[in-house]
Amino acid sequence: MWNKKYNLFAPRVGFAWDVFGDGKTSFRGGYGIGYTPNFGNITFNVIQNPPNYGVVALTAGADVPTIPITTNNSGPLAGNSGTKALGRVTLRAVDPYIKTAYAHLWSASLERQFTNEFFGSISYTGSKGQNLYTINRLNIPGSKIIYAGTGGTFDRINDQYSYVNFRTNGGFSNYNALSARAEMRNFRRQGITLRTSYTWSHALDNLSNTFSETNIGSGNLGLLDPLNPRLDKGSADFDTRHRFTLAGIWEIPYAGRNAISKAALGGWTVIPNLSARTGTPFSLWDCSNAGFILCPRAMYNQPFQASYTQTPTANPNQFNYLNVGTPNSSYGHPIVGVSDFGPFPSSMTGRNVFSGPGFWNVDFAVHKNFTITERYKLQFRAEAYNIFNHSNLYLVGTNTDVSATRFATAVRGVRADNNAYSSVSTDNRNLQLALKLIF
């Protein structure tokens, strides 16, 4: 269905330098190119095209006069007598000239062993993705009069079909990260090992998920404006600007002479683990004048200053997180009057310019080793995930449409991804006991 590619060369080059020749300071770096073939539903969904399938997407006014509410699963196509013409079918189309997505990858790190116990490093990682896969929504109602200058406000540029989901290469990405790490091993021979790291990073792209944004409530598919892919350039949905981790292992030393006391008090290990990060970004949307399948981002007459709060709502676990202010919801395309088409006004907010709640968590574990023979050990493990039973705030992605709310809300302790295939997770404490045989 698309042209073959025979020139997908993926070179790699790397180096490692012992700076002072003493085995204690190393400087490493590398560069490479990696490819990602088109995958999964990006191309497999073409099985839903005729003649195998006929997927019908009906829009009131464009495909049928009205869509009456019915309890029949066949909806407007229901009936037990006569004949009824099948409505326009949607298409899943693959660009015959689709390119294979790829990324430039590069890194550099400086590592130093300061003492027998203390190590440190600083590293930089970067990548640049090109020809990434996107889906363009084509042939929506009104496209004929806008792009061809003929027809009415509900006519499509190709009247034979309904919506066309076009798989192509409109995506790009860029990632840069600076990390610092320190490690202390067996501090003063007391069995204490500590590892800590801090990462500053920024991930940019114009679409973080081929099919749609992952943290929105607008239901948009693919890019906001397929004719202007750079309009969606912004922080990636998964962008985490700051991340900190601290992990420790304390193998408690005990040199008892009594076999009984040694068995009871020796072999204990304590393992704490702290992780903290800043929140991921999100967008505000405005579906006030959405006519068919698209909601633009919220627009304001003057620069909008975000006002973040955590004021409780009627639900004790839900909070008014961001006051959306007073948006200008008047935009509609001058020809068709709906907001599904660009070019969009300059007053439209950027993609992912707002920041979601941060996150922190502490896990804790205690291990006890029992020596059975020289070869066999029995290990008892007691582990506590989220030991402090701390509830983080999670943005309610379906509540970011300014046409329906004055506040973007966040819920405490319960995360439900805006994805029909994902599950709900909670921040409750979890305790786990286990026995492990080591040999």
Protein backbone atom coordinates (compact mmCIF):
# COMPACT_ATOMS: atom_id res chain seq x y z
CA MET A 1 0.00 0.00 0.00
CA TRP A 2 3.01 2.29 0.19
CA ASN A 3 6.39 2.59 -1.48
CA LYS A 4 9.15 0.38 -0.16
CA LYS A 5 12.23 1.89 1.46
CA TYR A 6 15.70 0.49 0.83
CA ASN A 7 17.83 3.27 2.29
CA LEU A 8 17.01 3.10 6.00
CA PHE A 9 20.58 3.12 7.24
CA ALA A 10 20.89 3.33 11.03
CA PRO A 11 24.51 4.13 11.94
CA ARG A 12 25.84 4.12 15.51
CA VAL A 13 29.04 5.65 16.83
CA GLY A 14 30.27 5.91 20.39
CA PHE A 15 33.41 6.54 22.42
CA ALA A 16 34.73 6.16 25.96
CA TRP A 17 37.79 8.07 27.25
CA ASP A 18 39.70 7.44 30.46
CA VAL A 19 40.50 11.11 30.97
CA PHE A 20 43.43 10.85 33.39
CA GLY A 21 44.46 7.28 32.69
CA ASP A 22 43.80 6.18 36.26
CA GLY A 23 40.45 4.43 35.72
CA LYS A 24 38.57 6.95 37.86
CA THR A 25 37.31 9.56 35.38
CA SER A 26 35.53 8.65 32.17
CA PHE A 27 34.01 10.70 29.43
CA ARG A 28 31.54 8.87 27.17
CA GLY A 29 29.37 9.88 24.27
CA GLY A 30 27.54 8.61 21.24
CA TYR A 31 25.22 9.28 18.34
CA GLY A 32 22.86 7.11 16.36
CA ILE A 33 19.76 6.97 14.19
CA GLY A 34 16.82 4.69 14.95
CA TYR A 35 13.73 3.90 12.87
CA THR A 36 10.16 3.02 13.87
CA PRO A 37 8.17 1.23 11.14
CA ASN A 38 4.50 2.12 10.91
CA PHE A 39 2.65 -0.16 13.25
CA GLY A 40 -0.60 -1.43 14.68
CA ASN A 41 -3.78 0.48 13.97
CA ILE A 42 -1.93 3.11 11.97
CA THR A 43 -2.10 0.80 8.98
CA PHE A 44 -4.09 -2.23 10.16
CA ASN A 45 -7.33 -0.23 10.37
CA VAL A 46 -7.59 -0.22 6.58
CA ILE A 47 -9.40 -3.55 7.01
CA GLN A 48 -12.41 -1.39 7.97
CA ASN A 49 -12.67 -0.07 4.42
CA PRO A 50 -15.06 -1.40 1.77
CA PRO A 51 -15.62 -4.05 0.56
CA ASN A 52 -14.84 -5.86 3.83
CA TYR A 53 -16.54 -3.35 6.11
CA GLY A 54 -18.73 -0.31 5.87
CA VAL A 55 -18.16 2.03 8.81
CA VAL A 56 -20.79 4.75 8.81
CA ALA A 57 -20.31 8.08 10.59
CA LEU A 58 -23.47 10.18 10.32
CA THR A 59 -23.53 13.93 10.87
CA ALA A 60 -26.89 15.62 11.26
CA GLY A 61 -27.47 18.10 8.42
CA ALA A 62 -24.68 16.68 6.30
CA ASP A 63 -25.46 12.96 5.96
CA VAL A 64 -29.03 12.78 7.29
CA PRO A 65 -31.50 15.56 8.10
CA THR A 66 -31.62 14.61 11.78
CA ILE A 67 -30.41 11.81 14.00
CA PRO A 68 -33.39 10.74 16.12
CA ILE A 69 -32.82 9.14 19.49
CA THR A 70 -33.59 5.44 19.28
CA THR A 71 -33.11 2.36 21.39
CA ASN A 72 -32.42 0.25 18.30
CA ASN A 73 -28.76 -0.70 17.90
CA SER A 74 -28.98 0.08 14.18
CA GLY A 75 -29.90 3.69 14.92
CA PRO A 76 -31.02 5.62 11.81
CA LEU A 77 -30.48 2.47 9.72
CA ALA A 78 -33.09 0.53 11.73
CA GLY A 79 -36.15 -0.95 10.09
CA ASN A 80 -37.77 -4.29 9.33
CA SER A 81 -39.25 -3.65 5.90
CA GLY A 82 -38.29 -2.09 2.61
CA THR A 83 -34.76 -0.98 1.75
CA LYS A 84 -32.55 1.79 3.04
CA ALA A 85 -29.46 3.14 1.40
CA LEU A 86 -26.24 2.79 3.38
CA GLY A 87 -24.88 6.20 4.30
CA ARG A 88 -21.48 7.48 3.30
CA VAL A 89 -18.75 5.28 4.75
CA THR A 90 -15.59 6.51 6.43
CA LEU A 91 -12.16 5.59 5.10
CA ARG A 92 -8.86 4.72 6.74
CA ALA A 93 -6.32 5.72 4.13
CA VAL A 94 -2.54 5.32 4.19
CA ASP A 95 -0.36 7.83 2.39
CA PRO A 96 1.21 5.81 -0.47
CA TYR A 97 4.34 7.91 -0.02
CA ILE A 98 4.44 7.51 3.77
CA LYS A 99 7.95 7.69 5.17
CA THR A 100 9.43 5.59 7.95
CA ALA A 101 9.64 7.58 11.18
CA TYR A 102 13.09 7.96 12.68
CA ALA A 103 14.99 9.79 15.39
CA HIS A 104 18.46 11.18 15.87
CA LEU A 105 19.79 10.12 19.29
CA TRP A 106 22.82 11.52 21.07
CA SER A 107 24.31 11.54 24.56
CA ALA A 108 27.37 12.47 26.60
CA SER A 109 28.36 11.79 30.20
CA LEU A 110 31.19 12.57 32.60
CA GLU A 111 31.69 10.10 35.47
CA ARG A 112 34.08 10.34 38.41
CA GLN A 113 35.05 8.04 41.26
CA PHE A 114 36.09 10.44 44.03
CA THR A 115 36.80 7.85 46.72
CA ASN A 116 36.29 4.13 47.13
CA GLU A 117 32.85 4.97 48.49
CA PHE A 118 31.67 7.99 46.51
CA PHE A 119 30.83 8.24 42.79
CA GLY A 120 29.26 11.03 40.76
CA SER A 121 28.23 11.73 37.19
CA ILE A 122 26.61 14.35 35.01
CA SER A 123 25.07 13.46 31.67
CA TYR A 124 23.20 14.96 28.75
CA THR A 125 20.74 13.12 26.51
CA GLY A 126 18.99 14.41 23.42
CA SER A 127 16.85 13.23 20.54
CA LYS A 128 15.07 14.63 17.53
CA GLY A 129 12.19 12.72 15.93
CA GLN A 130 11.27 13.28 12.29
CA ASN A 131 8.55 12.01 9.96
CA LEU A 132 6.56 10.81 12.96
CA TYR A 133 3.17 9.26 12.25
CA THR A 134 0.03 11.37 12.42
CA ILE A 135 -3.60 11.01 11.43
CA ASN A 136 -5.25 13.84 9.50
CA ARG A 137 -9.02 14.28 9.63
CA LEU A 138 -9.99 15.02 6.04
CA ASN A 139 -13.26 15.45 4.16
CA ILE A 140 -15.26 16.90 7.03
CA PRO A 141 -18.55 18.74 6.35
CA GLY A 142 -17.90 22.21 4.93
CA SER A 143 -14.56 21.28 3.36
CA LYS A 144 -15.93 21.62 -0.19
CA ILE A 145 -16.97 25.25 0.05
CA ILE A 146 -13.85 26.22 2.02
CA TYR A 147 -11.25 24.50 -0.17
CA ALA A 148 -13.04 24.33 -3.54
CA GLY A 149 -15.25 27.42 -3.28
CA THR A 150 -18.43 25.57 -4.28
CA GLY A 151 -21.29 23.81 -2.57
CA GLY A 152 -22.95 24.46 0.75
CA THR A 153 -21.85 24.62 4.36
CA PHE A 154 -22.37 20.86 4.85
CA ASP A 155 -20.86 19.58 1.62
CA ARG A 156 -17.67 17.52 1.62
CA ILE A 157 -14.89 17.97 -0.90
CA ASN A 158 -15.33 14.28 -1.82
CA ASP A 159 -19.07 13.61 -1.69
CA GLN A 160 -18.63 9.87 -2.19
CA TYR A 161 -17.31 9.33 1.36
CA SER A 162 -17.77 10.56 4.90
CA TYR A 163 -14.72 11.29 7.05
CA VAL A 164 -11.29 10.20 5.81
CA ASN A 165 -8.63 9.40 8.43
CA PHE A 166 -5.40 9.84 6.52
CA ARG A 167 -2.24 8.17 7.90
CA THR A 168 0.86 10.19 7.04
CA ASN A 169 3.99 11.92 8.42
CA GLY A 170 3.10 15.21 10.09
CA GLY A 171 4.77 14.69 13.47
CA PHE A 172 8.05 15.81 14.97
CA SER A 173 9.64 15.79 18.42
CA ASN A 174 12.62 17.09 20.34
CA TYR A 175 13.96 16.04 23.75
CA ASN A 176 16.81 17.37 25.88
CA ALA A 177 17.72 16.25 29.38
CA LEU A 178 20.48 17.05 31.88
CA SER A 179 20.96 14.56 34.71
CA ALA A 180 23.15 14.57 37.80
CA ARG A 181 23.71 11.40 39.83
CA ALA A 182 25.59 10.65 43.05
CA GLU A 183 26.17 7.28 44.69
CA MET A 184 27.69 6.29 48.01
CA ARG A 185 28.53 2.61 48.51
CA ASN A 186 29.05 0.84 51.84
CA PHE A 187 29.58 4.11 53.71
CA ARG A 188 32.31 3.62 56.34
CA ARG A 189 31.73 -0.10 56.02
CA GLN A 190 28.35 0.19 57.70
CA GLY A 191 26.47 -1.41 54.81
CA ILE A 192 24.84 1.87 53.75
CA THR A 193 24.42 2.55 50.04
CA LEU A 194 22.65 5.70 48.80
CA ARG A 195 21.79 6.66 45.24
CA THR A 196 20.28 10.00 44.28
CA SER A 197 19.58 11.58 40.92
CA TYR A 198 18.06 14.75 39.56
CA THR A 199 16.91 15.25 35.96
CA TRP A 200 15.92 18.46 34.23
CA SER A 201 14.35 17.77 30.87
CA HIS A 202 12.04 19.23 28.25
CA ALA A 203 10.15 17.15 25.69
CA LEU A 204 8.58 19.00 22.73
CA ASP A 205 6.40 17.65 19.95
CA ASN A 206 3.24 18.41 18.01
CA LEU A 207 1.48 15.12 18.79
CA SER A 208 2.41 12.73 21.59
CA ASN A 209 0.06 9.97 20.47
CA THR A 210 -0.61 9.14 16.82
CA PHE A 211 -4.37 8.88 17.25
CA SER A 212 -5.10 11.71 19.68
CA GLU A 213 -3.97 13.65 22.69
CA THR A 214 -3.87 11.50 25.80
CA ASN A 215 -4.91 14.07 28.42
CA ILE A 216 -7.74 16.02 26.82
CA GLY A 217 -11.48 16.07 26.98
CA SER A 218 -12.19 17.43 23.50
CA GLY A 219 -12.07 14.10 21.71
CA ASN A 220 -9.97 15.46 18.85
CA LEU A 221 -8.32 12.97 16.54
CA GLY A 222 -4.79 13.72 15.40
CA LEU A 223 -3.56 17.24 14.71
CA LEU A 224 -5.70 20.31 15.30
CA ASP A 225 -5.08 21.60 11.76
CA PRO A 226 -3.65 19.03 9.30
CA LEU A 227 -2.70 21.92 6.98
CA ASN A 228 -0.53 23.49 9.69
CA PRO A 229 1.20 20.76 11.76
CA ARG A 230 3.42 23.28 13.58
CA LEU A 231 0.35 24.89 15.14
CA ASP A 232 0.45 22.12 17.77
CA LYS A 233 4.11 22.50 18.68
CA GLY A 234 4.40 22.54 22.46
CA SER A 235 5.43 20.52 25.46
CA ALA A 236 4.77 16.82 25.06
CA ASP A 237 1.94 15.24 27.03
CA PHE A 238 4.53 13.28 29.03
CA ASP A 239 6.91 16.21 29.56
CA THR A 240 8.29 16.15 33.11
CA ARG A 241 10.49 19.17 33.70
CA HIS A 242 12.00 18.13 37.04
CA ARG A 243 12.43 14.67 38.53
CA PHE A 244 14.21 13.63 41.73
CA THR A 245 14.86 10.17 43.15
CA LEU A 246 16.56 8.98 46.33
CA ALA A 247 17.05 5.30 47.03
CA GLY A 248 18.95 3.60 49.83
CA ILE A 249 19.99 0.14 50.95
CA TRP A 250 21.17 -0.46 54.52
CA GLU A 251 22.47 -3.95 55.13
CA ILE A 252 22.55 -3.69 58.91
CA PRO A 253 25.86 -5.13 60.13
CA TYR A 254 25.75 -7.57 63.02
CA ALA A 255 28.63 -9.74 64.15
CA GLY A 256 27.11 -11.59 67.07
CA ARG A 257 28.96 -14.59 68.48
CA ASN A 258 25.85 -16.41 69.58
CA ALA A 259 24.30 -18.44 66.78
CA ILE A 260 20.78 -17.75 68.02
CA SER A 261 21.22 -13.98 68.30
CA LYS A 262 23.03 -13.91 64.96
CA ALA A 263 20.14 -15.71 63.31
CA ALA A 264 17.61 -13.33 64.88
CA LEU A 265 19.45 -9.98 64.61
CA GLY A 266 21.69 -10.50 61.62
CA GLY A 267 20.82 -10.44 57.90
CA TRP A 268 18.43 -7.47 58.01
CA THR A 269 18.23 -5.02 55.10
CA VAL A 270 16.23 -1.77 55.00
CA ILE A 271 15.38 -0.21 51.62
CA PRO A 272 13.69 3.23 51.34
CA ASN A 273 12.83 4.74 47.94
CA LEU A 274 11.64 8.32 47.31
CA SER A 275 10.54 9.68 43.93
CA ALA A 276 9.18 13.16 43.16
CA ARG A 277 8.44 15.04 39.97
CA THR A 278 6.69 18.11 38.64
CA GLY A 279 3.35 17.82 36.87
CA THR A 280 2.77 17.06 33.22
CA PRO A 281 1.23 19.75 30.96
CA PHE A 282 -2.28 20.03 29.58
CA SER A 283 -4.38 22.23 27.27
CA LEU A 284 -7.67 24.07 27.64
CA TRP A 285 -10.26 23.49 24.92
CA ASP A 286 -13.38 25.32 23.79
CA CYS A 287 -16.16 23.32 22.15
CA SER A 288 -18.68 26.21 22.12
CA ASN A 289 -18.86 26.44 18.32
CA ALA A 290 -17.61 22.99 17.38
CA GLY A 291 -19.71 21.88 14.44
CA PHE A 292 -18.60 18.34 13.72
CA ILE A 293 -15.51 16.59 15.13
CA LEU A 294 -13.08 19.28 16.26
CA CYS A 295 -12.65 21.62 19.23
CA PRO A 296 -10.00 24.36 19.08
CA ARG A 297 -8.00 25.40 22.11
CA ALA A 298 -9.39 28.15 24.33
CA MET A 299 -8.96 31.75 23.16
CA TYR A 300 -8.61 34.94 25.21
CA ASN A 301 -8.83 38.62 24.28
CA GLN A 302 -5.72 39.33 26.33
CA PRO A 303 -2.85 37.19 27.63
CA PHE A 304 -4.30 34.73 30.09
CA GLN A 305 -2.65 34.38 33.50
CA ALA A 306 -3.30 30.94 34.94
CA SER A 307 -4.64 30.95 38.51
CA TYR A 308 -3.93 27.60 40.15
CA THR A 309 -5.82 26.79 43.33
CA GLN A 310 -6.83 23.73 45.30
CA THR A 311 -10.24 24.76 46.57
CA PRO A 312 -12.52 21.81 47.35
CA THR A 313 -15.71 21.18 45.45
CA ALA A 314 -18.78 19.34 46.68
CA ASN A 315 -16.76 16.14 46.32
CA PRO A 316 -14.21 16.06 49.19
CA ASN A 317 -11.62 14.38 46.93
CA GLN A 318 -12.10 16.73 43.96
CA PHE A 319 -10.66 20.23 43.71
CA ASN A 320 -11.00 23.30 41.52
CA TYR A 321 -7.45 23.26 40.22
CA LEU A 322 -7.31 25.97 37.51
CA ASN A 323 -9.65 28.92 37.08
CA VAL A 324 -10.14 29.12 33.30
CA GLY A 325 -11.04 32.84 33.44
CA THR A 326 -13.25 34.38 30.76
CA PRO A 327 -12.43 32.94 27.35
CA ASN A 328 -13.49 34.47 24.05
CA SER A 329 -15.78 31.80 22.63
CA SER A 330 -16.90 33.71 19.55
CA TYR A 331 -14.62 32.12 16.95
CA GLY A 332 -16.26 30.51 13.93
CA HIS A 333 -14.88 30.14 10.42
CA PRO A 334 -16.21 33.09 8.36
CA ILE A 335 -17.63 30.80 5.64
CA VAL A 336 -19.19 27.91 7.57
CA GLY A 337 -19.56 29.52 11.00
CA VAL A 338 -18.12 26.62 13.02
CA SER A 339 -14.77 26.41 14.79
CA ASP A 340 -13.61 23.15 13.15
CA PHE A 341 -11.52 24.92 10.50
CA GLY A 342 -8.43 27.11 10.67
CA PRO A 343 -6.58 29.33 10.34
CA PHE A 344 -7.27 29.94 14.02
CA PRO A 345 -6.88 33.37 15.63
CA SER A 346 -3.58 34.31 17.26
CA SER A 347 -5.45 34.62 20.57
CA MET A 348 -5.74 30.83 20.79
CA THR A 349 -3.72 29.42 23.68
CA GLY A 350 -0.78 27.18 22.87
CA ARG A 351 -0.81 23.44 23.21
CA ASN A 352 0.04 22.16 26.70
CA VAL A 353 0.86 25.59 28.14
CA PHE A 354 -0.76 24.76 31.48
CA SER A 355 0.84 22.64 34.18
CA GLY A 356 -0.76 19.73 36.00
CA PRO A 357 -0.24 18.74 39.64
CA GLY A 358 3.09 17.36 40.81
CA PHE A 359 3.67 13.90 42.26
CA TRP A 360 5.67 12.30 45.07
CA ASN A 361 5.77 8.83 46.58
CA VAL A 362 7.78 6.82 49.14
CA ASP A 363 8.17 3.05 49.07
CA PHE A 364 9.81 1.09 51.87
CA ALA A 365 11.00 -2.49 52.22
CA VAL A 366 12.58 -4.69 54.89
CA HIS A 367 14.35 -7.94 54.00
CA LYS A 368 15.61 -10.67 56.35
CA ASN A 369 17.98 -13.38 55.12
CA PHE A 370 18.16 -16.80 56.77
CA THR A 371 21.18 -18.90 55.85
CA ILE A 372 20.17 -22.53 55.38
CA THR A 373 23.37 -23.88 53.86
CA GLU A 374 26.33 -22.39 52.07
CA ARG A 375 24.33 -22.58 48.84
CA TYR A 376 20.77 -21.86 49.96
CA LYS A 377 19.23 -18.80 51.61
CA LEU A 378 15.66 -18.04 52.54
CA GLN A 379 14.68 -14.39 52.32
CA PHE A 380 11.64 -12.87 54.02
CA ARG A 381 10.45 -9.65 52.36
CA ALA A 382 8.06 -7.07 53.75
CA GLU A 383 7.34 -4.29 51.25
CA ALA A 384 5.18 -1.20 51.52
CA TYR A 385 4.27 0.76 48.39
CA ASN A 386 3.25 4.35 49.15
CA ILE A 387 4.04 3.76 52.80
CA PHE A 388 2.67 7.15 53.90
CA ASN A 389 -0.65 6.51 52.12
CA HIS A 390 -0.14 9.84 50.36
CA SER A 391 -2.78 10.88 47.84
CA ASN A 392 -1.51 12.89 44.87
CA LEU A 393 -3.69 15.16 42.74
CA TYR A 394 -4.55 14.06 39.19
CA LEU A 395 -6.05 16.29 36.53
CA VAL A 396 -9.53 15.32 35.32
CA GLY A 397 -8.78 15.35 31.59
CA THR A 398 -12.45 15.28 30.60
CA ASN A 399 -13.03 18.56 32.47
CA THR A 400 -10.82 20.89 30.43
CA ASP A 401 -13.50 22.24 28.06
CA VAL A 402 -14.06 25.91 28.96
CA SER A 403 -17.48 25.86 27.29
CA ALA A 404 -18.72 23.58 30.06
CA THR A 405 -16.80 24.64 33.17
CA ARG A 406 -15.16 27.57 34.96
CA PHE A 407 -12.55 25.35 36.56
CA ALA A 408 -10.27 22.60 35.38
CA THR A 409 -10.54 20.11 38.21
CA ALA A 410 -8.22 17.61 39.84
CA VAL A 411 -9.12 14.57 41.89
CA ARG A 412 -7.10 13.35 44.86
CA GLY A 413 -5.81 9.82 44.97
CA VAL A 414 -7.51 8.42 41.85
CA ARG A 415 -6.01 8.53 38.37
CA ALA A 416 -8.17 7.64 35.40
CA ASP A 417 -6.41 8.05 32.04
CA ASN A 418 -8.51 9.57 29.28
CA ASN A 419 -8.30 6.34 27.33
CA ALA A 420 -10.96 3.69 26.91
CA TYR A 421 -8.34 0.94 27.11
CA SER A 422 -6.72 2.01 30.38
CA SER A 423 -7.76 1.31 33.93
CA VAL A 424 -8.21 3.43 37.02
CA SER A 425 -5.41 3.38 39.60
CA THR A 426 -5.47 4.66 43.14
CA ASP A 427 -2.86 5.99 45.55
CA ASN A 428 -3.70 3.74 48.48
CA ARG A 429 -0.98 2.08 50.52
CA ASN A 430 -0.17 -1.50 49.49
CA LEU A 431 1.56 -4.01 51.75
CA GLN A 432 3.18 -7.18 50.45
CA LEU A 433 4.81 -10.13 52.24
CA ALA A 434 6.87 -12.76 50.47
CA LEU A 435 9.33 -15.61 50.93
CA LYS A 436 12.13 -16.01 48.43
CA LEU A 437 14.48 -18.96 48.06
CA ILE A 438 17.95 -17.91 46.84
CA PHE A 439 20.41 -20.49 45.55
